[in-house]
Amino acid sequence: MSNDKYDIQKIIPSLDTFSPVDLSEVDGEYLVRIARFRGTFPFHTHPKDEFFLTLEGSFELETKESKIVLNKGECATMRAGLEHRPTGDKDAIVLTVLHKTIRTSKHSFPEVKDKL
């Protein structure tokens, strides 16, 4: 067990858009991350579920069929295999929980890494 303690309010100012910071590994398989969302990330899928909790601001989670708005304090889970993308005009600070094999950073998507 890690005894690391994080002050999220100190981490937030240094967050780069769509470049998550790993806060913790859970049960050897899952990562808790914090990220700044702004702009439109490409549609993508994962082989495992992905959980989102909005800490500040708001953003939309879009699928090909629908979209939901997640405001501060709201959360949702994108199921494995469901094509989705986060999008929003303003900053949102989001806590995510996902399998540690999943990498969702703008650096994983060369077509947008310099645009977001």
C-alpha atoms as a PDB file:
ATOM      1  CA  MET A   1       0.000   0.000   0.000  1.00  0.00           C
ATOM      2  CA  SER A   2       1.232   3.431  -0.874  1.00  0.00           C
ATOM      3  CA  ASN A   3       1.044   6.173   1.705  1.00  0.00           C
ATOM      4  CA  ASP A   4       1.475   8.896  -0.888  1.00  0.00           C
ATOM      5  CA  LYS A   5      -0.735  11.900  -0.336  1.00  0.00           C
ATOM      6  CA  TYR A   6      -1.640  14.332  -3.111  1.00  0.00           C
ATOM      7  CA  ASP A   7      -2.958  17.860  -2.883  1.00  0.00           C
ATOM      8  CA  ILE A   8      -5.092  17.985  -6.020  1.00  0.00           C
ATOM      9  CA  GLN A   9      -5.410  21.775  -5.793  1.00  0.00           C
ATOM     10  CA  LYS A  10      -1.616  22.016  -6.203  1.00  0.00           C
ATOM     11  CA  ILE A  11      -1.604  19.604  -9.166  1.00  0.00           C
ATOM     12  CA  ILE A  12      -4.417  21.280 -11.126  1.00  0.00           C
ATOM     13  CA  PRO A  13      -2.506  24.428 -12.236  1.00  0.00           C
ATOM     14  CA  SER A  14       0.233  22.302 -13.831  1.00  0.00           C
ATOM     15  CA  LEU A  15      -2.114  19.991 -15.782  1.00  0.00           C
ATOM     16  CA  ASP A  16      -1.704  20.128 -19.550  1.00  0.00           C
ATOM     17  CA  THR A  17      -4.817  19.520 -21.654  1.00  0.00           C
ATOM     18  CA  PHE A  18      -5.549  15.811 -22.209  1.00  0.00           C
ATOM     19  CA  SER A  19      -2.291  14.770 -20.516  1.00  0.00           C
ATOM     20  CA  PRO A  20      -3.441  12.849 -17.430  1.00  0.00           C
ATOM     21  CA  VAL A  21      -1.380  12.512 -14.279  1.00  0.00           C
ATOM     22  CA  ASP A  22      -1.466   9.157 -12.489  1.00  0.00           C
ATOM     23  CA  LEU A  23      -2.380   9.597  -8.815  1.00  0.00           C
ATOM     24  CA  SER A  24      -2.637   6.002  -7.684  1.00  0.00           C
ATOM     25  CA  GLU A  25      -2.643   2.378  -8.755  1.00  0.00           C
ATOM     26  CA  VAL A  26      -5.529   0.367  -7.302  1.00  0.00           C
ATOM     27  CA  ASP A  27      -5.423  -3.382  -6.760  1.00  0.00           C
ATOM     28  CA  GLY A  28      -2.489  -3.705  -9.162  1.00  0.00           C
ATOM     29  CA  GLU A  29      -4.763  -3.260 -12.180  1.00  0.00           C
ATOM     30  CA  TYR A  30      -6.424   0.156 -12.214  1.00  0.00           C
ATOM     31  CA  LEU A  31      -5.165   3.725 -12.308  1.00  0.00           C
ATOM     32  CA  VAL A  32      -6.718   6.785 -10.750  1.00  0.00           C
ATOM     33  CA  ARG A  33      -5.844   9.792 -12.874  1.00  0.00           C
ATOM     34  CA  ILE A  34      -6.534  13.492 -12.942  1.00  0.00           C
ATOM     35  CA  ALA A  35      -6.702  15.408 -16.212  1.00  0.00           C
ATOM     36  CA  ARG A  36      -7.624  18.739 -17.736  1.00  0.00           C
ATOM     37  CA  PHE A  37     -10.160  18.406 -20.568  1.00  0.00           C
ATOM     38  CA  ARG A  38     -10.662  21.231 -23.091  1.00  0.00           C
ATOM     39  CA  GLY A  39     -11.411  20.900 -26.778  1.00  0.00           C
ATOM     40  CA  THR A  40     -12.507  17.758 -28.583  1.00  0.00           C
ATOM     41  CA  PHE A  41     -10.601  14.511 -28.162  1.00  0.00           C
ATOM     42  CA  PRO A  42     -10.817  11.934 -30.982  1.00  0.00           C
ATOM     43  CA  PHE A  43     -13.393   9.148 -30.857  1.00  0.00           C
ATOM     44  CA  HIS A  44     -11.818   6.012 -29.389  1.00  0.00           C
ATOM     45  CA  THR A  45     -12.642   2.755 -27.587  1.00  0.00           C
ATOM     46  CA  HIS A  46     -11.130   0.732 -24.757  1.00  0.00           C
ATOM     47  CA  PRO A  47     -11.190  -2.980 -23.983  1.00  0.00           C
ATOM     48  CA  LYS A  48     -12.175  -2.129 -20.374  1.00  0.00           C
ATOM     49  CA  ASP A  49     -14.606   0.308 -18.724  1.00  0.00           C
ATOM     50  CA  GLU A  50     -13.561   3.909 -18.014  1.00  0.00           C
ATOM     51  CA  PHE A  51     -14.974   5.981 -15.130  1.00  0.00           C
ATOM     52  CA  PHE A  52     -15.185   9.815 -15.138  1.00  0.00           C
ATOM     53  CA  LEU A  53     -15.854  12.152 -12.174  1.00  0.00           C
ATOM     54  CA  THR A  54     -15.936  15.907 -12.823  1.00  0.00           C
ATOM     55  CA  LEU A  55     -14.092  17.810 -10.092  1.00  0.00           C
ATOM     56  CA  GLU A  56     -14.306  21.272 -11.678  1.00  0.00           C
ATOM     57  CA  GLY A  57     -16.190  22.723 -14.656  1.00  0.00           C
ATOM     58  CA  SER A  58     -18.195  20.564 -17.031  1.00  0.00           C
ATOM     59  CA  PHE A  59     -17.742  18.636 -20.269  1.00  0.00           C
ATOM     60  CA  GLU A  60     -19.673  16.346 -22.598  1.00  0.00           C
ATOM     61  CA  LEU A  61     -19.097  12.654 -23.147  1.00  0.00           C
ATOM     62  CA  GLU A  62     -20.197  11.869 -26.677  1.00  0.00           C
ATOM     63  CA  THR A  63     -20.880   8.562 -28.324  1.00  0.00           C
ATOM     64  CA  LYS A  64     -21.986   8.116 -31.929  1.00  0.00           C
ATOM     65  CA  GLU A  65     -25.612   7.920 -30.699  1.00  0.00           C
ATOM     66  CA  SER A  66     -25.796  10.309 -27.742  1.00  0.00           C
ATOM     67  CA  LYS A  67     -24.094  12.738 -25.428  1.00  0.00           C
ATOM     68  CA  ILE A  68     -24.240  13.458 -21.739  1.00  0.00           C
ATOM     69  CA  VAL A  69     -23.092  16.534 -19.868  1.00  0.00           C
ATOM     70  CA  LEU A  70     -21.089  15.943 -16.713  1.00  0.00           C
ATOM     71  CA  ASN A  71     -21.084  18.946 -14.382  1.00  0.00           C
ATOM     72  CA  LYS A  72     -19.033  19.358 -11.211  1.00  0.00           C
ATOM     73  CA  GLY A  73     -19.720  16.437  -8.878  1.00  0.00           C
ATOM     74  CA  GLU A  74     -21.291  14.235 -11.560  1.00  0.00           C
ATOM     75  CA  CYS A  75     -19.884  10.947 -12.838  1.00  0.00           C
ATOM     76  CA  ALA A  76     -20.425   8.337 -15.531  1.00  0.00           C
ATOM     77  CA  THR A  77     -18.897   5.119 -16.796  1.00  0.00           C
ATOM     78  CA  MET A  78     -18.155   4.415 -20.445  1.00  0.00           C
ATOM     79  CA  ARG A  79     -18.514   0.696 -21.008  1.00  0.00           C
ATOM     80  CA  ALA A  80     -15.820  -1.344 -22.708  1.00  0.00           C
ATOM     81  CA  GLY A  81     -15.990  -1.222 -26.499  1.00  0.00           C
ATOM     82  CA  LEU A  82     -18.232   1.867 -26.656  1.00  0.00           C
ATOM     83  CA  GLU A  83     -16.760   4.476 -28.992  1.00  0.00           C
ATOM     84  CA  HIS A  84     -16.668   7.801 -27.166  1.00  0.00           C
ATOM     85  CA  ARG A  85     -14.911  11.122 -26.773  1.00  0.00           C
ATOM     86  CA  PRO A  86     -14.814  13.960 -24.249  1.00  0.00           C
ATOM     87  CA  THR A  87     -15.468  17.439 -25.560  1.00  0.00           C
ATOM     88  CA  GLY A  88     -15.939  20.938 -24.172  1.00  0.00           C
ATOM     89  CA  ASP A  89     -15.157  24.586 -24.842  1.00  0.00           C
ATOM     90  CA  LYS A  90     -13.888  25.369 -21.340  1.00  0.00           C
ATOM     91  CA  ASP A  91     -11.582  23.681 -18.862  1.00  0.00           C
ATOM     92  CA  ALA A  92     -12.891  20.722 -16.904  1.00  0.00           C
ATOM     93  CA  ILE A  93     -10.834  18.928 -14.269  1.00  0.00           C
ATOM     94  CA  VAL A  94     -11.711  15.246 -14.312  1.00  0.00           C
ATOM     95  CA  LEU A  95     -10.777  12.254 -12.186  1.00  0.00           C
ATOM     96  CA  THR A  96     -10.718   9.025 -14.181  1.00  0.00           C
ATOM     97  CA  VAL A  97     -10.367   5.388 -13.181  1.00  0.00           C
ATOM     98  CA  LEU A  98      -9.345   2.924 -15.858  1.00  0.00           C
ATOM     99  CA  HIS A  99      -7.316  -0.223 -16.436  1.00  0.00           C
ATOM    100  CA  LYS A 100      -3.578   0.455 -16.299  1.00  0.00           C
ATOM    101  CA  THR A 101      -3.037  -0.877 -19.822  1.00  0.00           C
ATOM    102  CA  ILE A 102      -5.160   1.948 -21.239  1.00  0.00           C
ATOM    103  CA  ARG A 103      -3.336   5.098 -22.273  1.00  0.00           C
ATOM    104  CA  THR A 104      -5.519   8.039 -23.183  1.00  0.00           C
ATOM    105  CA  SER A 105      -3.332  11.044 -23.669  1.00  0.00           C
ATOM    106  CA  LYS A 106      -3.163  13.435 -26.567  1.00  0.00           C
ATOM    107  CA  HIS A 107       0.335  12.003 -27.114  1.00  0.00           C
ATOM    108  CA  SER A 108      -1.295   8.678 -28.072  1.00  0.00           C
ATOM    109  CA  PHE A 109      -3.145  10.429 -30.922  1.00  0.00           C
ATOM    110  CA  PRO A 110      -0.587  12.075 -33.265  1.00  0.00           C
ATOM    111  CA  GLU A 111      -3.304  13.759 -35.336  1.00  0.00           C
ATOM    112  CA  VAL A 112      -4.305  15.983 -32.417  1.00  0.00           C
ATOM    113  CA  LYS A 113      -1.386  16.117 -29.996  1.00  0.00           C
ATOM    114  CA  ASP A 114      -0.285  19.587 -31.133  1.00  0.00           C
ATOM    115  CA  LYS A 115      -3.864  20.924 -31.463  1.00  0.00           C
ATOM    116  CA  LEU A 116      -5.220  20.224 -27.973  1.00  0.00           C
END
